[in-house]
Amino acid sequence: MAFCRYLYTTNQLERLAEEVKRRTKVVGAFCSQAAVEKLLYLVLRQLHEAWRARRLRGFAEIHMESYHADWTH
C-alpha cells in the first residue's frame, strides 16, 4: 500500500515560496552562497514589511484586556 505525504501550508507560506521562486528566476545563477542569503533576506524583509502594515478586518474593535484571565482571584 502506498502512502501519500501531504505538506499542509498556509497562504502566507505559499506566497513566500512563490516570491522566492520568482526572484531567483530573474537572477539565474548566483555567484556565492552569500548572494543567495542576501536575496532571501531581502525578500523576507519586504514581505515582513508588507504583512506588518496590513490591517486585519475585525481586529481593530477587539480590546485585548477583555480576553486576559483575571489572575487576582
PDB file of N, CA and C in Angstrom:
ATOM      1  N   MET A   1       0.842  -1.185   0.000  1.00  0.00           N
ATOM      2  CA  MET A   1       0.000   0.000   0.000  1.00  0.00           C
ATOM      3  C   MET A   1       0.886   1.248   0.000  1.00  0.00           C
ATOM      4  N   ALA A   2       0.632   2.126  -0.893  1.00  0.00           N
ATOM      5  CA  ALA A   2       1.422   3.356  -0.991  1.00  0.00           C
ATOM      6  C   ALA A   2       0.781   4.458  -0.154  1.00  0.00           C
ATOM      7  N   PHE A   3       1.632   5.168   0.529  1.00  0.00           N
ATOM      8  CA  PHE A   3       1.154   6.287   1.334  1.00  0.00           C
ATOM      9  C   PHE A   3       1.528   7.594   0.650  1.00  0.00           C
ATOM     10  N   CYS A   4       0.608   8.491   0.614  1.00  0.00           N
ATOM     11  CA  CYS A   4       0.866   9.817   0.057  1.00  0.00           C
ATOM     12  C   CYS A   4       1.182  10.766   1.200  1.00  0.00           C
ATOM     13  N   ARG A   5       2.201  11.531   1.022  1.00  0.00           N
ATOM     14  CA  ARG A   5       2.542  12.534   2.027  1.00  0.00           C
ATOM     15  C   ARG A   5       2.063  13.889   1.539  1.00  0.00           C
ATOM     16  N   TYR A   6       1.439  14.592   2.442  1.00  0.00           N
ATOM     17  CA  TYR A   6       0.928  15.920   2.128  1.00  0.00           C
ATOM     18  C   TYR A   6       1.636  16.938   2.999  1.00  0.00           C
ATOM     19  N   LEU A   7       1.931  18.043   2.407  1.00  0.00           N
ATOM     20  CA  LEU A   7       2.508  19.154   3.138  1.00  0.00           C
ATOM     21  C   LEU A   7       1.436  20.228   3.230  1.00  0.00           C
ATOM     22  N   TYR A   8       0.976  20.465   4.432  1.00  0.00           N
ATOM     23  CA  TYR A   8      -0.052  21.474   4.630  1.00  0.00           C
ATOM     24  C   TYR A   8       0.617  22.822   4.870  1.00  0.00           C
ATOM     25  N   THR A   9       0.213  23.809   4.109  1.00  0.00           N
ATOM     26  CA  THR A   9       0.802  25.132   4.240  1.00  0.00           C
ATOM     27  C   THR A   9      -0.298  26.169   4.369  1.00  0.00           C
ATOM     28  N   THR A  10       0.108  27.325   4.749  1.00  0.00           N
ATOM     29  CA  THR A  10      -0.817  28.445   4.803  1.00  0.00           C
ATOM     30  C   THR A  10      -0.616  29.302   3.568  1.00  0.00           C
ATOM     31  N   ASN A  11      -1.500  30.214   3.352  1.00  0.00           N
ATOM     32  CA  ASN A  11      -1.372  31.115   2.205  1.00  0.00           C
ATOM     33  C   ASN A  11      -0.108  31.955   2.295  1.00  0.00           C
ATOM     34  N   GLN A  12       0.277  32.339   3.525  1.00  0.00           N
ATOM     35  CA  GLN A  12       1.480  33.143   3.676  1.00  0.00           C
ATOM     36  C   GLN A  12       2.731  32.361   3.297  1.00  0.00           C
ATOM     37  N   LEU A  13       2.795  31.089   3.669  1.00  0.00           N
ATOM     38  CA  LEU A  13       3.948  30.278   3.290  1.00  0.00           C
ATOM     39  C   LEU A  13       3.998  30.057   1.784  1.00  0.00           C
ATOM     40  N   GLU A  14       2.845  29.842   1.190  1.00  0.00           N
ATOM     41  CA  GLU A  14       2.800  29.679  -0.262  1.00  0.00           C
ATOM     42  C   GLU A  14       3.214  30.963  -0.960  1.00  0.00           C
ATOM     43  N   ARG A  15       2.799  32.085  -0.442  1.00  0.00           N
ATOM     44  CA  ARG A  15       3.176  33.379  -1.014  1.00  0.00           C
ATOM     45  C   ARG A  15       4.683  33.587  -0.912  1.00  0.00           C
ATOM     46  N   LEU A  16       5.261  33.216   0.218  1.00  0.00           N
ATOM     47  CA  LEU A  16       6.700  33.339   0.413  1.00  0.00           C
ATOM     48  C   LEU A  16       7.451  32.466  -0.586  1.00  0.00           C
ATOM     49  N   ALA A  17       7.018  31.220  -0.746  1.00  0.00           N
ATOM     50  CA  ALA A  17       7.685  30.316  -1.682  1.00  0.00           C
ATOM     51  C   ALA A  17       7.586  30.838  -3.113  1.00  0.00           C
ATOM     52  N   GLU A  18       6.436  31.345  -3.495  1.00  0.00           N
ATOM     53  CA  GLU A  18       6.266  31.881  -4.857  1.00  0.00           C
ATOM     54  C   GLU A  18       7.137  33.115  -5.076  1.00  0.00           C
ATOM     55  N   GLU A  19       7.247  33.962  -4.064  1.00  0.00           N
ATOM     56  CA  GLU A  19       8.052  35.176  -4.197  1.00  0.00           C
ATOM     57  C   GLU A  19       9.532  34.833  -4.327  1.00  0.00           C
ATOM     58  N   VAL A  20      10.008  33.883  -3.541  1.00  0.00           N
ATOM     59  CA  VAL A  20      11.404  33.461  -3.634  1.00  0.00           C
ATOM     60  C   VAL A  20      11.668  32.836  -5.006  1.00  0.00           C
ATOM     61  N   LYS A  21      10.748  32.013  -5.468  1.00  0.00           N
ATOM     62  CA  LYS A  21      10.891  31.372  -6.789  1.00  0.00           C
ATOM     63  C   LYS A  21      10.938  32.429  -7.896  1.00  0.00           C
ATOM     64  N   ARG A  22      10.068  33.424  -7.803  1.00  0.00           N
ATOM     65  CA  ARG A  22      10.017  34.475  -8.824  1.00  0.00           C
ATOM     66  C   ARG A  22      11.317  35.272  -8.852  1.00  0.00           C
ATOM     67  N   ARG A  23      11.839  35.597  -7.663  1.00  0.00           N
ATOM     68  CA  ARG A  23      13.064  36.393  -7.607  1.00  0.00           C
ATOM     69  C   ARG A  23      14.288  35.617  -8.063  1.00  0.00           C
ATOM     70  N   THR A  24      14.349  34.324  -7.753  1.00  0.00           N
ATOM     71  CA  THR A  24      15.520  33.545  -8.160  1.00  0.00           C
ATOM     72  C   THR A  24      15.516  33.261  -9.656  1.00  0.00           C
ATOM     73  N   LYS A  25      14.337  33.209 -10.277  1.00  0.00           N
ATOM     74  CA  LYS A  25      14.278  33.013 -11.730  1.00  0.00           C
ATOM     75  C   LYS A  25      14.916  34.178 -12.472  1.00  0.00           C
ATOM     76  N   VAL A  26      14.762  35.366 -11.954  1.00  0.00           N
ATOM     77  CA  VAL A  26      15.308  36.561 -12.593  1.00  0.00           C
ATOM     78  C   VAL A  26      16.831  36.532 -12.567  1.00  0.00           C
ATOM     79  N   VAL A  27      17.399  36.101 -11.445  1.00  0.00           N
ATOM     80  CA  VAL A  27      18.852  36.112 -11.286  1.00  0.00           C
ATOM     81  C   VAL A  27      19.505  35.030 -12.140  1.00  0.00           C
ATOM     82  N   GLY A  28      18.963  33.831 -12.118  1.00  0.00           N
ATOM     83  CA  GLY A  28      19.527  32.751 -12.928  1.00  0.00           C
ATOM     84  C   GLY A  28      20.638  32.002 -12.232  1.00  0.00           C
ATOM     85  N   ALA A  29      21.791  32.630 -12.025  1.00  0.00           N
ATOM     86  CA  ALA A  29      22.927  31.991 -11.359  1.00  0.00           C
ATOM     87  C   ALA A  29      23.474  32.945 -10.299  1.00  0.00           C
ATOM     88  N   PHE A  30      23.772  32.378  -9.152  1.00  0.00           N
ATOM     89  CA  PHE A  30      24.317  33.181  -8.058  1.00  0.00           C
ATOM     90  C   PHE A  30      25.822  32.986  -7.975  1.00  0.00           C
ATOM     91  N   CYS A  31      26.535  34.045  -7.642  1.00  0.00           N
ATOM     92  CA  CYS A  31      27.997  33.969  -7.599  1.00  0.00           C
ATOM     93  C   CYS A  31      28.506  33.338  -6.310  1.00  0.00           C
ATOM     94  N   SER A  32      27.705  33.376  -5.252  1.00  0.00           N
ATOM     95  CA  SER A  32      28.131  32.791  -3.982  1.00  0.00           C
ATOM     96  C   SER A  32      26.909  32.494  -3.116  1.00  0.00           C
ATOM     97  N   GLN A  33      27.159  31.762  -2.032  1.00  0.00           N
ATOM     98  CA  GLN A  33      26.080  31.469  -1.100  1.00  0.00           C
ATOM     99  C   GLN A  33      25.620  32.752  -0.399  1.00  0.00           C
ATOM    100  N   ALA A  34      26.525  33.675  -0.185  1.00  0.00           N
ATOM    101  CA  ALA A  34      26.174  34.943   0.443  1.00  0.00           C
ATOM    102  C   ALA A  34      25.165  35.719  -0.407  1.00  0.00           C
ATOM    103  N   ALA A  35      25.273  35.613  -1.708  1.00  0.00           N
ATOM    104  CA  ALA A  35      24.334  36.291  -2.601  1.00  0.00           C
ATOM    105  C   ALA A  35      22.941  35.695  -2.479  1.00  0.00           C
ATOM    106  N   VAL A  36      22.870  34.373  -2.337  1.00  0.00           N
ATOM    107  CA  VAL A  36      21.580  33.712  -2.149  1.00  0.00           C
ATOM    108  C   VAL A  36      20.958  34.137  -0.823  1.00  0.00           C
ATOM    109  N   GLU A  37      21.785  34.161   0.227  1.00  0.00           N
ATOM    110  CA  GLU A  37      21.296  34.555   1.547  1.00  0.00           C
ATOM    111  C   GLU A  37      20.815  35.996   1.550  1.00  0.00           C
ATOM    112  N   LYS A  38      21.516  36.860   0.845  1.00  0.00           N
ATOM    113  CA  LYS A  38      21.121  38.267   0.779  1.00  0.00           C
ATOM    114  C   LYS A  38      19.786  38.424   0.064  1.00  0.00           C
ATOM    115  N   LEU A  39      19.611  37.701  -1.050  1.00  0.00           N
ATOM    116  CA  LEU A  39      18.341  37.758  -1.771  1.00  0.00           C
ATOM    117  C   LEU A  39      17.198  37.253  -0.901  1.00  0.00           C
ATOM    118  N   LEU A  40      17.421  36.136  -0.223  1.00  0.00           N
ATOM    119  CA  LEU A  40      16.400  35.584   0.655  1.00  0.00           C
ATOM    120  C   LEU A  40      16.064  36.562   1.785  1.00  0.00           C
ATOM    121  N   TYR A  41      17.081  37.182   2.371  1.00  0.00           N
ATOM    122  CA  TYR A  41      16.862  38.172   3.418  1.00  0.00           C
ATOM    123  C   TYR A  41      16.025  39.347   2.898  1.00  0.00           C
ATOM    124  N   LEU A  42      16.344  39.843   1.724  1.00  0.00           N
ATOM    125  CA  LEU A  42      15.621  40.986   1.184  1.00  0.00           C
ATOM    126  C   LEU A  42      14.165  40.645   0.858  1.00  0.00           C
ATOM    127  N   VAL A  43      13.922  39.433   0.363  1.00  0.00           N
ATOM    128  CA  VAL A  43      12.548  39.004   0.091  1.00  0.00           C
ATOM    129  C   VAL A  43      11.772  38.897   1.403  1.00  0.00           C
ATOM    130  N   LEU A  44      12.386  38.271   2.412  1.00  0.00           N
ATOM    131  CA  LEU A  44      11.723  38.138   3.713  1.00  0.00           C
ATOM    132  C   LEU A  44      11.440  39.504   4.337  1.00  0.00           C
ATOM    133  N   ARG A  45      12.385  40.400   4.207  1.00  0.00           N
ATOM    134  CA  ARG A  45      12.210  41.741   4.776  1.00  0.00           C
ATOM    135  C   ARG A  45      11.057  42.483   4.090  1.00  0.00           C
ATOM    136  N   GLN A  46      10.994  42.390   2.764  1.00  0.00           N
ATOM    137  CA  GLN A  46       9.935  43.066   2.022  1.00  0.00           C
ATOM    138  C   GLN A  46       8.559  42.498   2.379  1.00  0.00           C
ATOM    139  N   LEU A  47       8.460  41.176   2.456  1.00  0.00           N
ATOM    140  CA  LEU A  47       7.184  40.566   2.811  1.00  0.00           C
ATOM    141  C   LEU A  47       6.800  40.877   4.255  1.00  0.00           C
ATOM    142  N   HIS A  48       7.779  40.903   5.148  1.00  0.00           N
ATOM    143  CA  HIS A  48       7.506  41.254   6.540  1.00  0.00           C
ATOM    144  C   HIS A  48       6.930  42.665   6.647  1.00  0.00           C
ATOM    145  N   GLU A  49       7.519  43.600   5.935  1.00  0.00           N
ATOM    146  CA  GLU A  49       7.025  44.983   5.953  1.00  0.00           C
ATOM    147  C   GLU A  49       5.608  45.056   5.394  1.00  0.00           C
ATOM    148  N   ALA A  50       5.345  44.323   4.334  1.00  0.00           N
ATOM    149  CA  ALA A  50       4.003  44.335   3.745  1.00  0.00           C
ATOM    150  C   ALA A  50       2.981  43.721   4.684  1.00  0.00           C
ATOM    151  N   TRP A  51       3.337  42.608   5.321  1.00  0.00           N
ATOM    152  CA  TRP A  51       2.395  41.940   6.230  1.00  0.00           C
ATOM    153  C   TRP A  51       2.202  42.728   7.511  1.00  0.00           C
ATOM    154  N   ARG A  52       3.252  43.402   7.966  1.00  0.00           N
ATOM    155  CA  ARG A  52       3.156  44.183   9.196  1.00  0.00           C
ATOM    156  C   ARG A  52       2.252  45.401   9.005  1.00  0.00           C
ATOM    157  N   ALA A  53       2.259  45.964   7.816  1.00  0.00           N
ATOM    158  CA  ALA A  53       1.456  47.154   7.534  1.00  0.00           C
ATOM    159  C   ALA A  53      -0.010  46.813   7.282  1.00  0.00           C
ATOM    160  N   ARG A  54      -0.298  45.537   7.049  1.00  0.00           N
ATOM    161  CA  ARG A  54      -1.674  45.121   6.767  1.00  0.00           C
ATOM    162  C   ARG A  54      -2.546  45.216   7.993  1.00  0.00           C
ATOM    163  N   ARG A  55      -3.770  45.630   7.787  1.00  0.00           N
ATOM    164  CA  ARG A  55      -4.745  45.658   8.877  1.00  0.00           C
ATOM    165  C   ARG A  55      -5.689  44.492   8.691  1.00  0.00           C
ATOM    166  N   LEU A  56      -5.875  43.743   9.730  1.00  0.00           N
ATOM    167  CA  LEU A  56      -6.785  42.609   9.672  1.00  0.00           C
ATOM    168  C   LEU A  56      -8.190  43.062  10.013  1.00  0.00           C
ATOM    169  N   ARG A  57      -9.139  42.608   9.224  1.00  0.00           N
ATOM    170  CA  ARG A  57     -10.525  43.011   9.444  1.00  0.00           C
ATOM    171  C   ARG A  57     -11.052  42.468  10.766  1.00  0.00           C
ATOM    172  N   GLY A  58     -11.710  43.331  11.534  1.00  0.00           N
ATOM    173  CA  GLY A  58     -12.341  42.909  12.763  1.00  0.00           C
ATOM    174  C   GLY A  58     -11.463  42.986  13.989  1.00  0.00           C
ATOM    175  N   PHE A  59     -10.150  43.151  13.829  1.00  0.00           N
ATOM    176  CA  PHE A  59      -9.269  43.174  14.981  1.00  0.00           C
ATOM    177  C   PHE A  59      -9.153  44.558  15.616  1.00  0.00           C
ATOM    178  N   ALA A  60      -9.567  45.579  14.931  1.00  0.00           N
ATOM    179  CA  ALA A  60      -9.481  46.922  15.492  1.00  0.00           C
ATOM    180  C   ALA A  60     -10.470  47.094  16.638  1.00  0.00           C
ATOM    181  N   GLU A  61     -11.557  46.364  16.605  1.00  0.00           N
ATOM    182  CA  GLU A  61     -12.583  46.508  17.635  1.00  0.00           C
ATOM    183  C   GLU A  61     -12.295  45.687  18.881  1.00  0.00           C
ATOM    184  N   ILE A  62     -11.366  44.775  18.820  1.00  0.00           N
ATOM    185  CA  ILE A  62     -11.097  43.891  19.951  1.00  0.00           C
ATOM    186  C   ILE A  62     -10.212  44.609  20.963  1.00  0.00           C
ATOM    187  N   HIS A  63     -10.615  44.526  22.185  1.00  0.00           N
ATOM    188  CA  HIS A  63      -9.805  45.051  23.287  1.00  0.00           C
ATOM    189  C   HIS A  63      -9.157  43.861  23.969  1.00  0.00           C
ATOM    190  N   MET A  64      -7.857  43.773  23.907  1.00  0.00           N
ATOM    191  CA  MET A  64      -7.158  42.598  24.419  1.00  0.00           C
ATOM    192  C   MET A  64      -7.327  42.437  25.928  1.00  0.00           C
ATOM    193  N   GLU A  65      -7.591  43.513  26.658  1.00  0.00           N
ATOM    194  CA  GLU A  65      -7.751  43.405  28.103  1.00  0.00           C
ATOM    195  C   GLU A  65      -8.925  42.497  28.459  1.00  0.00           C
ATOM    196  N   SER A  66      -9.958  42.480  27.634  1.00  0.00           N
ATOM    197  CA  SER A  66     -11.126  41.674  27.944  1.00  0.00           C
ATOM    198  C   SER A  66     -10.879  40.185  27.721  1.00  0.00           C
ATOM    199  N   TYR A  67      -9.796  39.829  27.035  1.00  0.00           N
ATOM    200  CA  TYR A  67      -9.502  38.427  26.760  1.00  0.00           C
ATOM    201  C   TYR A  67      -8.545  37.807  27.751  1.00  0.00           C
ATOM    202  N   HIS A  68      -7.921  38.617  28.611  1.00  0.00           N
ATOM    203  CA  HIS A  68      -6.990  38.075  29.597  1.00  0.00           C
ATOM    204  C   HIS A  68      -7.756  37.572  30.814  1.00  0.00           C
ATOM    205  N   ALA A  69      -7.287  36.484  31.356  1.00  0.00           N
ATOM    206  CA  ALA A  69      -7.921  35.919  32.544  1.00  0.00           C
ATOM    207  C   ALA A  69      -7.668  36.820  33.731  1.00  0.00           C
ATOM    208  N   ASP A  70      -8.589  36.821  34.639  1.00  0.00           N
ATOM    209  CA  ASP A  70      -8.454  37.615  35.862  1.00  0.00           C
ATOM    210  C   ASP A  70      -7.618  36.811  36.856  1.00  0.00           C
ATOM    211  N   TRP A  71      -6.375  37.179  37.044  1.00  0.00           N
ATOM    212  CA  TRP A  71      -5.459  36.430  37.899  1.00  0.00           C
ATOM    213  C   TRP A  71      -5.517  36.891  39.339  1.00  0.00           C
ATOM    214  N   THR A  72      -6.377  37.830  39.705  1.00  0.00           N
ATOM    215  CA  THR A  72      -6.419  38.338  41.082  1.00  0.00           C
ATOM    216  C   THR A  72      -7.183  37.422  42.007  1.00  0.00           C
ATOM    217  N   HIS A  73      -7.991  36.500  41.491  1.00  0.00           N
ATOM    218  CA  HIS A  73      -8.782  35.600  42.349  1.00  0.00           C
ATOM    219  C   HIS A  73      -8.028  34.352  42.652  1.00  0.00           C
TER     220      HIS A  73
END
